[in-house]
Protein backbone atom coordinates (compact mmCIF):
# COMPACT_ATOMS: atom_id res chain seq x y z
CA MET A 1 -3.16 -217.49 -137.50
CA LYS A 2 -2.61 -221.13 -138.47
CA LYS A 3 0.88 -220.48 -139.84
CA TRP A 4 1.81 -218.35 -136.80
CA MET A 5 0.70 -221.04 -134.35
CA GLN A 6 2.56 -223.77 -136.24
CA ILE A 7 5.81 -221.78 -136.07
CA PHE A 8 5.72 -220.24 -132.60
CA GLY A 9 3.60 -222.83 -130.76
CA PRO A 10 6.29 -225.53 -130.56
CA LEU A 11 8.89 -222.89 -129.64
CA VAL A 12 6.71 -221.68 -126.76
CA MET A 13 6.17 -225.28 -125.63
CA ILE A 14 9.93 -225.92 -125.55
CA LEU A 15 10.52 -222.73 -123.55
CA LEU A 16 7.76 -223.66 -121.09
CA ALA A 17 9.35 -227.09 -120.58
CA ILE A 18 12.59 -225.65 -119.16
CA ILE A 19 11.42 -225.21 -115.55
CA PRO A 20 9.79 -228.67 -115.23
CA PHE A 21 12.98 -230.17 -116.67
CA MET A 22 15.07 -228.30 -114.10
CA VAL A 23 12.91 -229.70 -111.29
CA LEU A 24 13.53 -233.21 -112.60
CA TYR A 25 17.23 -232.49 -113.12
CA GLU A 26 17.62 -231.57 -109.45
CA GLY A 27 16.79 -235.13 -108.36
CA ILE A 28 18.86 -236.68 -111.12
CA SER A 29 21.91 -234.53 -110.33
CA MET A 30 21.81 -235.61 -106.69
CA ASN A 31 21.92 -239.32 -107.61
CA ILE A 32 24.46 -239.24 -110.45
CA PRO A 33 27.79 -237.86 -109.23
CA SER A 34 29.14 -237.09 -112.73
CA LEU A 35 26.44 -234.44 -113.29
CA PRO A 36 26.84 -230.93 -111.90
CA ASP A 37 24.90 -230.29 -108.69
CA PHE A 38 21.76 -228.20 -109.08
CA GLU A 39 19.38 -227.07 -106.38
CA ALA A 40 16.08 -225.78 -107.70
CA PRO A 41 14.37 -222.99 -105.77
CA ASP A 42 11.18 -223.92 -103.95
CA TRP A 43 9.01 -221.89 -106.33
CA PHE A 44 10.07 -224.06 -109.31
CA ILE A 45 7.67 -226.88 -108.37
CA PRO A 46 4.36 -224.93 -108.51
CA VAL A 47 5.55 -222.94 -111.51
CA GLY A 48 6.48 -226.23 -113.19
CA PHE A 49 2.91 -227.49 -112.82
CA VAL A 50 1.59 -224.22 -114.25
CA ASN A 51 4.00 -224.55 -117.17
CA ILE A 52 2.81 -228.10 -117.85
CA ALA A 53 -0.79 -226.85 -117.93
CA LEU A 54 0.26 -224.07 -120.33
CA ILE A 55 2.00 -226.62 -122.58
CA VAL A 56 -1.25 -228.59 -122.76
CA LEU A 57 -3.17 -225.39 -123.54
CA VAL A 58 -0.76 -224.39 -126.32
CA SER A 59 -0.95 -227.87 -127.83
CA LEU A 60 -4.75 -227.69 -127.81
CA LEU A 61 -4.60 -224.27 -129.47
CA ILE A 62 -2.28 -225.63 -132.16
CA GLY A 63 -4.68 -228.52 -132.80
CA TRP A 64 -7.67 -226.20 -132.82
CA SER A 65 -6.03 -223.82 -135.31
CA ALA A 66 -5.07 -226.75 -137.56
CA ASN A 67 -8.65 -228.08 -137.61
CA LYS A 68 -10.18 -224.64 -138.12
CA GLU A 69 -9.46 -224.57 -141.84
């Protein structure tokens, strides 16, 4: 399981970071006119917090699997 977590764990963390990044990008795109406009749906904010919690959980699982051996 250690090898599996070291390969897919960071990939899952990157995929989970997409929605929180899009929430941040909405505010940035409104203030910088050279960026394309983006309006995030209202449900992105609570889902972004859930994704951040899942990123922390995956990182703890990766650390736990590395220390297990």
